[in-house]
């Protein structure tokens, strides 16, 4: 009997989700190979001092975009020349950002990939770029981060202060009255503080910080990643006195200030005294609430203690009344 020939079914092709793939801009590595980036605004971090700190991805993106928007064309041109990159530069800074943002978004919508860089570090961090990013978001334009150097992160890493929680305050107000008010607000934060300051205002700012924050530990970081990099550590009063005694420092300055020392736990006898005073004319609940707010303590254990004290006072008053009747 002749063998029966069996027909083979063609293998099914697995469906591919091309729609989601189209939505995502290609990576910088893919862009460098393909020679083009998807239309988007690329926020590229640049070195804060040492030109060799730029990332490989940043170089790939800067090579692939159609144009580079920048804070200062002269500064960016020098950086690009070091790395052999030639691209059209578009000024985008505090004085023209609103107009430049409209023009750049129109170019991206027409199919261009545009990079934005500040003079140093990560764009928008105490640098221009907020209006540009905001306009892109409002117009439905993709914004892509290309992370890298940051003066804030560099200062935190070498300051020797707790880093698990920190608050970046940017530049404090130049006028003393406004600056002191701002420091009063910062004093309430349970975190390390990062502040940028111009060299000619550093002495005055340190004096105000010491006046409000007291002898907190702090570090002055200056010219990080550059030839004359410097980190000076001490308490705020010590650093304020040292800077006031010499000429204003040169270069970019970032201050890192440690959090306030944890307050010592109040003595139980003091808590009882405060609760007893608060119980005069008040309920245990109201007394506990008042003391909890004053000492920044949980209310529940104070409420239980207030009830016990209130009962003790009542029993004592009953004993006194019985003695008087006898």
Protein backbone atom coordinates (compact mmCIF):
# COMPACT_ATOMS: atom_id res chain seq x y z
CA UNK A 1 0.00 0.00 0.00
CA UNK A 2 1.36 3.34 -0.98
CA UNK A 3 2.00 5.69 1.90
CA UNK A 4 -0.56 8.45 2.34
CA UNK A 5 0.91 11.92 1.96
CA UNK A 6 -0.06 14.23 4.79
CA UNK A 7 -0.40 17.90 4.25
CA UNK A 8 1.46 20.14 6.64
CA UNK A 9 -0.24 23.19 8.05
CA UNK A 10 1.81 26.30 7.76
CA UNK A 11 3.15 27.48 11.10
CA UNK A 12 1.19 30.33 12.60
CA UNK A 13 2.99 33.63 12.78
CA UNK A 14 2.99 35.14 16.21
CA UNK A 15 1.26 38.53 16.22
CA UNK A 16 3.50 41.43 17.11
CA UNK A 17 2.33 44.50 18.98
CA UNK A 18 3.69 47.10 16.61
CA UNK A 19 1.48 49.84 17.98
CA UNK A 20 3.16 49.93 21.40
CA UNK A 21 6.56 49.75 19.75
CA UNK A 22 5.80 52.84 17.67
CA UNK A 23 4.83 54.82 20.75
CA UNK A 24 8.22 54.46 22.43
CA UNK A 25 11.18 56.52 21.17
CA UNK A 26 14.13 54.33 20.26
CA UNK A 27 16.91 54.10 22.79
CA UNK A 28 20.04 56.17 22.35
CA UNK A 29 21.96 53.02 21.39
CA UNK A 30 19.42 52.20 18.68
CA UNK A 31 19.42 55.82 17.61
CA UNK A 32 23.17 55.88 17.15
CA UNK A 33 22.92 52.81 14.91
CA UNK A 34 19.88 54.00 12.97
CA UNK A 35 21.14 57.59 12.80
CA UNK A 36 17.80 59.10 13.88
CA UNK A 37 15.69 59.62 16.98
CA UNK A 38 11.92 59.65 17.30
CA UNK A 39 10.41 63.16 17.45
CA UNK A 40 10.66 64.29 21.09
CA UNK A 41 12.36 66.71 23.43
CA UNK A 42 15.46 65.09 24.95
CA UNK A 43 16.61 66.62 28.28
CA UNK A 44 20.33 65.92 28.32
CA UNK A 45 22.43 66.32 31.47
CA UNK A 46 25.90 67.75 30.81
CA UNK A 47 29.08 67.86 32.95
CA UNK A 48 29.21 70.26 35.91
CA UNK A 49 32.93 70.81 35.41
CA UNK A 50 34.88 67.89 33.97
CA UNK A 51 33.99 67.41 30.29
CA UNK A 52 34.74 63.68 30.55
CA UNK A 53 31.78 63.18 32.91
CA UNK A 54 29.33 63.23 29.99
CA UNK A 55 27.59 59.87 29.46
CA UNK A 56 27.80 57.70 26.37
CA UNK A 57 24.05 57.98 25.94
CA UNK A 58 24.21 61.77 26.09
CA UNK A 59 26.82 61.80 23.32
CA UNK A 60 24.68 59.46 21.20
CA UNK A 61 21.61 61.63 21.62
CA UNK A 62 23.44 64.89 20.93
CA UNK A 63 24.87 63.34 17.77
CA UNK A 64 21.45 62.14 16.59
CA UNK A 65 19.16 65.14 17.21
CA UNK A 66 18.32 67.71 14.57
CA UNK A 67 19.20 70.67 16.80
CA UNK A 68 20.25 71.44 20.36
CA UNK A 69 18.42 74.07 22.42
CA UNK A 70 20.69 75.48 25.10
CA UNK A 71 20.99 78.04 27.87
CA UNK A 72 24.12 79.67 26.42
CA UNK A 73 25.26 78.84 22.90
CA UNK A 74 28.88 79.74 23.70
CA UNK A 75 29.10 77.34 26.64
CA UNK A 76 27.42 74.50 24.75
CA UNK A 77 29.54 75.10 21.64
CA UNK A 78 32.71 74.57 23.69
CA UNK A 79 31.42 71.30 25.11
CA UNK A 80 30.37 70.02 21.68
CA UNK A 81 33.75 70.96 20.20
CA UNK A 82 35.54 68.88 22.84
CA UNK A 83 33.53 65.82 21.78
CA UNK A 84 33.57 66.53 18.05
CA UNK A 85 29.84 67.21 17.70
CA UNK A 86 28.51 69.79 15.23
CA UNK A 87 24.83 70.66 15.50
CA UNK A 88 22.71 73.80 15.09
CA UNK A 89 22.27 75.57 18.43
CA UNK A 90 19.05 77.33 19.46
CA UNK A 91 19.15 79.78 22.42
CA UNK A 92 16.59 78.93 25.10
CA UNK A 93 17.04 80.76 28.40
CA UNK A 94 15.10 82.68 31.04
CA UNK A 95 14.64 85.74 28.82
CA UNK A 96 13.29 84.02 25.69
CA UNK A 97 12.07 80.63 26.90
CA UNK A 98 8.37 81.23 26.29
CA UNK A 99 8.91 82.19 22.63
CA UNK A 100 11.58 79.56 22.09
CA UNK A 101 9.35 76.86 23.58
CA UNK A 102 6.58 77.58 21.05
CA UNK A 103 9.02 77.38 18.15
CA UNK A 104 10.74 74.22 19.40
CA UNK A 105 7.46 72.40 20.01
CA UNK A 106 6.36 73.26 16.47
CA UNK A 107 9.58 71.72 15.11
CA UNK A 108 9.10 68.55 17.17
CA UNK A 109 5.50 68.23 15.97
CA UNK A 110 6.83 68.49 12.41
CA UNK A 111 9.03 65.46 13.04
CA UNK A 112 12.24 66.80 14.59
CA UNK A 113 14.15 65.38 17.55
CA UNK A 114 15.41 68.25 19.70
CA UNK A 115 17.80 68.13 22.65
CA UNK A 116 17.84 70.66 25.46
CA UNK A 117 20.87 71.29 27.69
CA UNK A 118 21.70 73.82 30.38
CA UNK A 119 25.17 75.24 30.89
CA UNK A 120 26.03 72.50 33.39
CA UNK A 121 24.25 69.64 35.12
CA UNK A 122 20.68 68.48 34.73
CA UNK A 123 18.25 70.88 32.98
CA UNK A 124 15.52 72.52 35.10
CA UNK A 125 17.39 71.95 38.41
CA UNK A 126 17.95 75.64 39.26
CA UNK A 127 18.27 76.11 35.49
CA UNK A 128 15.97 77.06 32.59
CA UNK A 129 13.69 74.54 30.92
CA UNK A 130 10.49 74.44 32.98
CA UNK A 131 8.39 76.45 30.49
CA UNK A 132 9.75 74.38 27.62
CA UNK A 133 8.85 71.08 29.29
CA UNK A 134 5.46 72.43 30.38
CA UNK A 135 4.67 73.51 26.81
CA UNK A 136 5.66 70.09 25.46
CA UNK A 137 3.36 68.35 27.95
CA UNK A 138 0.46 70.69 27.15
CA UNK A 139 0.93 70.05 23.41
CA UNK A 140 1.25 66.28 23.77
CA UNK A 141 4.94 66.18 22.85
CA UNK A 142 7.06 63.40 24.36
CA UNK A 143 9.75 64.46 26.85
CA UNK A 144 12.67 62.03 27.32
CA UNK A 145 15.18 62.26 30.21
CA UNK A 146 18.83 61.56 29.47
CA UNK A 147 20.20 61.61 33.05
CA UNK A 148 23.74 62.32 34.12
CA UNK A 149 25.77 64.83 36.17
CA UNK A 150 24.10 66.88 38.90
CA UNK A 151 25.70 69.33 41.32
CA UNK A 152 23.05 68.42 43.92
CA UNK A 153 23.83 64.70 43.84
CA UNK A 154 27.59 65.28 43.71
CA UNK A 155 27.47 67.57 46.76
CA UNK A 156 25.29 65.18 48.74
CA UNK A 157 27.60 62.26 48.01
CA UNK A 158 30.69 63.92 49.52
CA UNK A 159 29.18 66.13 52.25
CA UNK A 160 28.93 63.41 54.88
CA UNK A 161 25.33 64.28 55.80
CA UNK A 162 22.36 61.88 55.94
CA UNK A 163 21.09 61.33 52.39
CA UNK A 164 18.05 59.11 52.90
CA UNK A 165 15.91 62.26 53.11
CA UNK A 166 16.89 65.67 51.75
CA UNK A 167 15.27 68.86 50.49
CA UNK A 168 16.71 70.87 47.60
CA UNK A 169 15.97 74.56 48.19
CA UNK A 170 17.76 75.97 45.15
CA UNK A 171 18.96 79.55 45.57
CA UNK A 172 17.77 81.42 48.67
CA UNK A 173 16.39 84.97 48.23
CA UNK A 174 19.13 87.60 47.82
CA UNK A 175 17.57 90.05 50.30
CA UNK A 176 18.09 89.24 53.96
CA UNK A 177 14.50 89.70 55.17
CA UNK A 178 13.12 87.29 52.58
CA UNK A 179 16.06 84.95 53.10
CA UNK A 180 15.48 84.70 56.86
CA UNK A 181 11.79 83.92 56.30
CA UNK A 182 12.71 81.16 53.88
CA UNK A 183 15.23 79.67 56.31
CA UNK A 184 12.58 79.69 59.06
CA UNK A 185 10.44 77.48 56.82
CA UNK A 186 13.35 75.17 56.01
CA UNK A 187 14.13 74.82 59.73
CA UNK A 188 10.96 72.79 60.24
CA UNK A 189 11.91 70.09 57.71
CA UNK A 190 13.25 66.79 59.17
CA UNK A 191 15.82 66.38 56.40
CA UNK A 192 19.22 67.43 55.13
CA UNK A 193 19.08 70.68 53.16
CA UNK A 194 20.82 71.46 49.86
CA UNK A 195 21.24 75.12 48.94
CA UNK A 196 23.00 76.78 46.02
CA UNK A 197 24.57 80.19 46.46
CA UNK A 198 26.53 82.77 44.54
CA UNK A 199 30.10 83.25 45.87
CA UNK A 200 29.61 86.95 46.71
CA UNK A 201 26.55 86.16 48.90
CA UNK A 202 27.97 83.07 50.62
CA UNK A 203 29.14 84.84 53.82
CA UNK A 204 25.81 86.57 54.39
CA UNK A 205 23.83 83.41 53.67
CA UNK A 206 25.93 81.32 56.06
CA UNK A 207 25.50 83.94 58.78
CA UNK A 208 21.72 83.83 58.37
CA UNK A 209 21.68 80.01 58.28
CA UNK A 210 23.68 79.90 61.52
CA UNK A 211 21.38 82.49 63.11
CA UNK A 212 18.25 80.44 62.42
CA UNK A 213 19.45 76.83 62.33
CA UNK A 214 22.11 77.02 65.02
CA UNK A 215 25.15 74.74 65.13
CA UNK A 216 24.00 72.19 62.59
CA UNK A 217 26.74 70.29 60.74
CA UNK A 218 27.26 71.52 57.19
CA UNK A 219 29.56 71.31 54.18
CA UNK A 220 30.55 73.88 51.58
CA UNK A 221 31.24 72.19 48.23
CA UNK A 222 32.93 74.30 45.59
CA UNK A 223 34.14 73.68 42.02
CA UNK A 224 33.18 69.99 42.18
CA UNK A 225 34.83 67.81 39.49
CA UNK A 226 37.16 70.69 38.57
CA UNK A 227 40.87 71.24 39.22
CA UNK A 228 40.36 73.27 42.42
CA UNK A 229 37.56 71.15 43.88
CA UNK A 230 37.04 71.88 47.57
CA UNK A 231 34.86 70.54 50.39
CA UNK A 232 34.88 72.34 53.76
CA UNK A 233 33.02 70.80 56.68
CA UNK A 234 32.07 72.13 60.11
CA UNK A 235 29.14 73.62 61.99
CA UNK A 236 27.26 76.51 60.42
CA UNK A 237 28.74 79.08 62.87
CA UNK A 238 32.27 77.76 62.20
CA UNK A 239 31.84 77.91 58.42
CA UNK A 240 30.20 81.35 58.60
CA UNK A 241 33.12 82.73 60.59
CA UNK A 242 35.71 81.15 58.28
CA UNK A 243 34.13 82.49 55.10
CA UNK A 244 33.59 85.96 56.61
CA UNK A 245 37.27 86.14 57.54
CA UNK A 246 38.54 85.65 53.99
CA UNK A 247 37.87 86.85 50.45
CA UNK A 248 34.74 85.56 48.66
CA UNK A 249 35.37 82.11 47.18
CA UNK A 250 35.44 81.56 43.44
CA UNK A 251 33.28 79.21 41.45
CA UNK A 252 29.95 77.49 41.92
CA UNK A 253 28.99 76.77 45.56
CA UNK A 254 26.56 74.14 46.85
CA UNK A 255 25.81 73.94 50.59
CA UNK A 256 24.67 70.77 52.32
CA UNK A 257 23.26 71.19 55.84
CA UNK A 258 22.50 68.31 58.16
CA UNK A 259 19.08 67.84 59.76
CA UNK A 260 18.35 69.09 63.24
CA UNK A 261 19.40 66.76 66.05
CA UNK A 262 16.58 64.64 67.38
CA UNK A 263 15.00 66.24 70.43
CA UNK A 264 15.52 64.42 73.72
CA UNK A 265 12.49 62.53 74.98
CA UNK A 266 10.63 64.56 77.60
CA UNK A 267 10.83 63.37 81.20
CA UNK A 268 7.71 61.44 82.32
CA UNK A 269 7.47 63.65 85.40
CA UNK A 270 7.37 66.72 83.15
CA UNK A 271 4.64 65.10 81.03
CA UNK A 272 2.56 64.39 84.15
CA UNK A 273 3.01 67.97 85.34
CA UNK A 274 1.91 69.36 81.96
CA UNK A 275 -1.09 67.02 81.81
CA UNK A 276 -2.11 67.92 85.36
CA UNK A 277 -1.96 71.61 84.52
CA UNK A 278 -3.94 71.05 81.31
CA UNK A 279 -6.59 69.02 83.20
CA UNK A 280 -7.55 72.06 85.24
CA UNK A 281 -10.85 73.04 83.69
CA UNK A 282 -10.45 70.62 80.75
CA UNK A 283 -11.39 67.05 79.91
CA UNK A 284 -8.69 64.33 79.64
CA UNK A 285 -9.17 64.32 75.87
CA UNK A 286 -8.62 68.07 75.56
CA UNK A 287 -5.65 67.98 77.94
CA UNK A 288 -4.00 65.14 76.00
CA UNK A 289 -4.53 66.93 72.70
CA UNK A 290 -2.98 70.15 73.99
CA UNK A 291 0.11 68.42 75.43
CA UNK A 292 0.54 66.22 72.33
CA UNK A 293 0.64 69.30 70.11
CA UNK A 294 3.07 71.11 72.36
CA UNK A 295 5.50 68.18 72.64
CA UNK A 296 4.89 66.73 69.17
CA UNK A 297 4.00 63.35 70.67
CA UNK A 298 1.28 60.78 69.85
CA UNK A 299 -2.01 61.66 71.53
CA UNK A 300 -3.25 58.16 72.44
CA UNK A 301 -0.73 57.32 75.23
CA UNK A 302 -1.08 60.84 76.59
CA UNK A 303 -4.86 60.41 76.65
CA UNK A 304 -4.56 57.18 78.68
CA UNK A 305 -2.21 58.91 81.10
CA UNK A 306 -4.52 61.91 81.37
CA UNK A 307 -7.45 59.62 82.30
CA UNK A 308 -5.35 57.96 85.01
CA UNK A 309 -4.25 61.30 86.40
CA UNK A 310 -7.80 62.63 86.28
CA UNK A 311 -9.07 59.60 88.22
CA UNK A 312 -6.24 60.01 90.71
CA UNK A 313 -7.15 63.65 91.24
CA UNK A 314 -10.80 62.71 91.69
CA UNK A 315 -9.95 59.99 94.24
CA UNK A 316 -7.74 62.43 96.13
CA UNK A 317 -10.52 65.00 96.19
CA UNK A 318 -12.95 62.33 97.53
CA UNK A 319 -10.49 61.45 100.32
CA UNK A 320 -10.14 65.11 101.26
CA UNK A 321 -13.92 65.49 101.30
CA UNK A 322 -14.32 62.45 103.61
CA UNK A 323 -11.68 63.82 105.99
CA UNK A 324 -13.52 67.14 106.17
CA UNK A 325 -16.83 65.36 106.90
CA UNK A 326 -15.18 63.44 109.78
